[in-house]
Amino acid sequence: MSVPTARKTLLSRRVVRDMEHERYHPELEDEIKECLYCLRRNAMMFNLEVDPDLVEQRIYERQALLCRYRYLLQRARELGLHTILTGLPAFPEAGQRET
């Protein structure tokens, strides 16, 4: 019997197709990008709020977004999608201050 080998097809002349391309999930990458966008928007809106209730709402919204972001990163790690994970910002855990 022959031993299965990785398929060597080309995406372009320079990029060899590997197993990570086989399990690529563009919808997961889009979800991560959307979550990062929402986190940035939340930070901007937090800085503009003056009403104490709305400030509190922004804090809870940030915590929910951070939980979703961590979940999506964990899912990407489980699928072995290291290309998606490179270059993504790391957010501090709840209760820690950003420096």
C-alpha atoms as a PDB file:
ATOM      1  CA  MET A   1       0.000   0.000   0.000  1.00  0.00           C
ATOM      2  CA  SER A   2       1.145   3.499  -0.673  1.00  0.00           C
ATOM      3  CA  VAL A   3       1.480   6.061   2.087  1.00  0.00           C
ATOM      4  CA  PRO A   4      -0.841   9.072   1.624  1.00  0.00           C
ATOM      5  CA  THR A   5       1.089  12.235   0.903  1.00  0.00           C
ATOM      6  CA  ALA A   6      -0.001  15.854   1.044  1.00  0.00           C
ATOM      7  CA  ARG A   7      -1.407  17.118  -2.215  1.00  0.00           C
ATOM      8  CA  LYS A   8       0.880  19.589  -3.857  1.00  0.00           C
ATOM      9  CA  THR A   9      -1.347  21.786  -5.933  1.00  0.00           C
ATOM     10  CA  LEU A  10      -0.636  25.420  -6.466  1.00  0.00           C
ATOM     11  CA  LEU A  11      -2.811  28.356  -5.486  1.00  0.00           C
ATOM     12  CA  SER A  12      -0.452  30.539  -7.465  1.00  0.00           C
ATOM     13  CA  ARG A  13       3.065  30.053  -8.726  1.00  0.00           C
ATOM     14  CA  ARG A  14       4.521  30.916  -5.332  1.00  0.00           C
ATOM     15  CA  VAL A  15       2.063  29.504  -2.791  1.00  0.00           C
ATOM     16  CA  VAL A  16       1.997  25.750  -2.318  1.00  0.00           C
ATOM     17  CA  ARG A  17      -1.376  24.510  -1.135  1.00  0.00           C
ATOM     18  CA  ASP A  18      -1.050  22.878   2.273  1.00  0.00           C
ATOM     19  CA  MET A  19      -3.465  21.291   4.685  1.00  0.00           C
ATOM     20  CA  GLU A  20      -4.296  24.626   6.326  1.00  0.00           C
ATOM     21  CA  HIS A  21      -5.721  25.894   3.048  1.00  0.00           C
ATOM     22  CA  GLU A  22      -7.863  22.758   2.932  1.00  0.00           C
ATOM     23  CA  ARG A  23      -9.590  23.603   6.205  1.00  0.00           C
ATOM     24  CA  TYR A  24      -9.771  27.383   5.705  1.00  0.00           C
ATOM     25  CA  HIS A  25     -12.983  28.935   7.039  1.00  0.00           C
ATOM     26  CA  PRO A  26     -13.565  32.427   5.609  1.00  0.00           C
ATOM     27  CA  GLU A  27     -16.759  32.847   7.642  1.00  0.00           C
ATOM     28  CA  LEU A  28     -14.792  32.397  10.883  1.00  0.00           C
ATOM     29  CA  GLU A  29     -12.261  34.993   9.760  1.00  0.00           C
ATOM     30  CA  ASP A  30     -15.117  37.373   8.911  1.00  0.00           C
ATOM     31  CA  GLU A  31     -16.659  36.845  12.352  1.00  0.00           C
ATOM     32  CA  ILE A  32     -13.329  37.628  14.038  1.00  0.00           C
ATOM     33  CA  LYS A  33     -12.907  40.790  11.950  1.00  0.00           C
ATOM     34  CA  GLU A  34     -16.462  41.890  12.751  1.00  0.00           C
ATOM     35  CA  CYS A  35     -15.884  41.290  16.458  1.00  0.00           C
ATOM     36  CA  LEU A  36     -12.683  43.369  16.349  1.00  0.00           C
ATOM     37  CA  TYR A  37     -14.549  46.156  14.557  1.00  0.00           C
ATOM     38  CA  CYS A  38     -17.267  46.103  17.242  1.00  0.00           C
ATOM     39  CA  LEU A  39     -14.624  46.232  19.990  1.00  0.00           C
ATOM     40  CA  ARG A  40     -12.997  49.293  18.403  1.00  0.00           C
ATOM     41  CA  ARG A  41     -16.370  50.986  17.932  1.00  0.00           C
ATOM     42  CA  ASN A  42     -17.291  50.207  21.534  1.00  0.00           C
ATOM     43  CA  ALA A  43     -14.048  51.800  22.758  1.00  0.00           C
ATOM     44  CA  MET A  44     -14.712  54.956  20.730  1.00  0.00           C
ATOM     45  CA  MET A  45     -18.304  55.219  21.943  1.00  0.00           C
ATOM     46  CA  PHE A  46     -17.236  54.587  25.542  1.00  0.00           C
ATOM     47  CA  ASN A  47     -14.973  57.640  25.365  1.00  0.00           C
ATOM     48  CA  LEU A  48     -17.887  59.786  24.140  1.00  0.00           C
ATOM     49  CA  GLU A  49     -20.515  58.735  26.689  1.00  0.00           C
ATOM     50  CA  VAL A  50     -21.451  61.131  29.486  1.00  0.00           C
ATOM     51  CA  ASP A  51     -24.529  59.450  30.952  1.00  0.00           C
ATOM     52  CA  PRO A  52     -23.544  57.022  33.757  1.00  0.00           C
ATOM     53  CA  ASP A  53     -26.099  54.433  32.609  1.00  0.00           C
ATOM     54  CA  LEU A  54     -24.739  54.479  29.059  1.00  0.00           C
ATOM     55  CA  VAL A  55     -21.158  54.220  30.334  1.00  0.00           C
ATOM     56  CA  GLU A  56     -22.197  51.129  32.279  1.00  0.00           C
ATOM     57  CA  GLN A  57     -23.906  49.740  29.174  1.00  0.00           C
ATOM     58  CA  ARG A  58     -20.680  50.178  27.183  1.00  0.00           C
ATOM     59  CA  ILE A  59     -18.740  48.330  29.882  1.00  0.00           C
ATOM     60  CA  TYR A  60     -21.124  45.357  29.760  1.00  0.00           C
ATOM     61  CA  GLU A  61     -21.088  45.423  25.966  1.00  0.00           C
ATOM     62  CA  ARG A  62     -17.262  45.312  25.978  1.00  0.00           C
ATOM     63  CA  GLN A  63     -17.271  42.324  28.328  1.00  0.00           C
ATOM     64  CA  ALA A  64     -19.691  40.478  26.042  1.00  0.00           C
ATOM     65  CA  LEU A  65     -17.585  41.302  22.971  1.00  0.00           C
ATOM     66  CA  LEU A  66     -14.404  40.116  24.707  1.00  0.00           C
ATOM     67  CA  CYS A  67     -16.095  36.812  25.577  1.00  0.00           C
ATOM     68  CA  ARG A  68     -17.147  36.386  21.949  1.00  0.00           C
ATOM     69  CA  TYR A  69     -13.635  37.283  20.721  1.00  0.00           C
ATOM     70  CA  ARG A  70     -12.020  34.707  23.030  1.00  0.00           C
ATOM     71  CA  TYR A  71     -14.546  32.088  21.886  1.00  0.00           C
ATOM     72  CA  LEU A  72     -13.796  32.756  18.205  1.00  0.00           C
ATOM     73  CA  LEU A  73     -10.033  32.593  18.801  1.00  0.00           C
ATOM     74  CA  GLN A  74     -10.431  29.302  20.660  1.00  0.00           C
ATOM     75  CA  ARG A  75     -12.502  27.932  17.799  1.00  0.00           C
ATOM     76  CA  ALA A  76      -9.835  28.982  15.280  1.00  0.00           C
ATOM     77  CA  ARG A  77      -7.144  27.283  17.407  1.00  0.00           C
ATOM     78  CA  GLU A  78      -9.188  24.075  17.611  1.00  0.00           C
ATOM     79  CA  LEU A  79      -9.509  24.033  13.826  1.00  0.00           C
ATOM     80  CA  GLY A  80      -5.772  24.663  13.502  1.00  0.00           C
ATOM     81  CA  LEU A  81      -6.188  27.910  11.587  1.00  0.00           C
ATOM     82  CA  HIS A  82      -2.906  29.530  12.545  1.00  0.00           C
ATOM     83  CA  THR A  83      -2.921  31.888   9.560  1.00  0.00           C
ATOM     84  CA  ILE A  84      -6.046  33.616  10.888  1.00  0.00           C
ATOM     85  CA  LEU A  85      -4.516  33.943  14.357  1.00  0.00           C
ATOM     86  CA  THR A  86      -1.285  35.668  13.321  1.00  0.00           C
ATOM     87  CA  GLY A  87      -1.319  39.399  13.837  1.00  0.00           C
ATOM     88  CA  LEU A  88      -4.510  39.560  15.891  1.00  0.00           C
ATOM     89  CA  PRO A  89      -4.457  41.829  18.941  1.00  0.00           C
ATOM     90  CA  ALA A  90      -4.626  40.331  22.410  1.00  0.00           C
ATOM     91  CA  PHE A  91      -7.090  42.019  24.719  1.00  0.00           C
ATOM     92  CA  PRO A  92      -6.567  42.019  28.495  1.00  0.00           C
ATOM     93  CA  GLU A  93      -8.748  39.834  30.637  1.00  0.00           C
ATOM     94  CA  ALA A  94     -11.650  41.356  32.525  1.00  0.00           C
ATOM     95  CA  GLY A  95     -10.497  43.489  35.412  1.00  0.00           C
ATOM     96  CA  GLN A  96      -6.994  44.103  34.057  1.00  0.00           C
ATOM     97  CA  ARG A  97      -5.917  47.529  32.895  1.00  0.00           C
ATOM     98  CA  GLU A  98      -4.574  48.169  29.419  1.00  0.00           C
ATOM     99  CA  THR A  99      -1.135  49.752  29.332  1.00  0.00           C
END
